[in-house]
Amino acid sequence: RTWVKSANGTSIIKIISATMFAAQSARLVTRNVVVPAGRQQQKRGFINWLTNYPDKVMETKRIQQAGGTCQGEYNPTWLKQPGDNITLMIGAGLCGYGLILSSMGMYKLATGKGKKD
C-alpha cells in the first residue's frame, strides 16, 4: 500500500477504510430491523385524500348549463362561474397594458426617440 498524506496530515487510506466501515455497519443495522407484526406499513393519508376526493362535476355542469347551452352571446359559458368577471378584468388589463407598451415601443423605433447615446 502506498500511504498518501493529505494536507492536514491524515492518510487517505484511513479515511476510505473508515467510510467503508461505516457503510457496512449501517447496512447490517438496517438489515436486522424487523417490522413489528400487526403494524400497518403504509397509512396512505395523502393517497386516500386524492382517491376519495369529492366529485363536484355534476355541480359544475349544472352551473355551466344554467339557462341552456346555446346562449353564447348573452350569457357566455366562460362568465357563469363565480369569480369569472374578476379573471376577465385581470386578463383584459394585462392585454391592454401589453398593447400599450408594444405600441409605445413601435413608435419609439419608428421615430428614433428614446435612444441611449
Foldseek 3Di string as FASTA:
>chain_A
DDFDADPVGDTPVVVVVVVVVVVVVVVVVVVPDDDDPPDDPDPCPVVCCVVVPDDCVVVLVCQLQVPHPPPCPPDNSQPRDPPSVVVVVVVVVVVVVVVVVVVVVVVCVVVVPPDDD
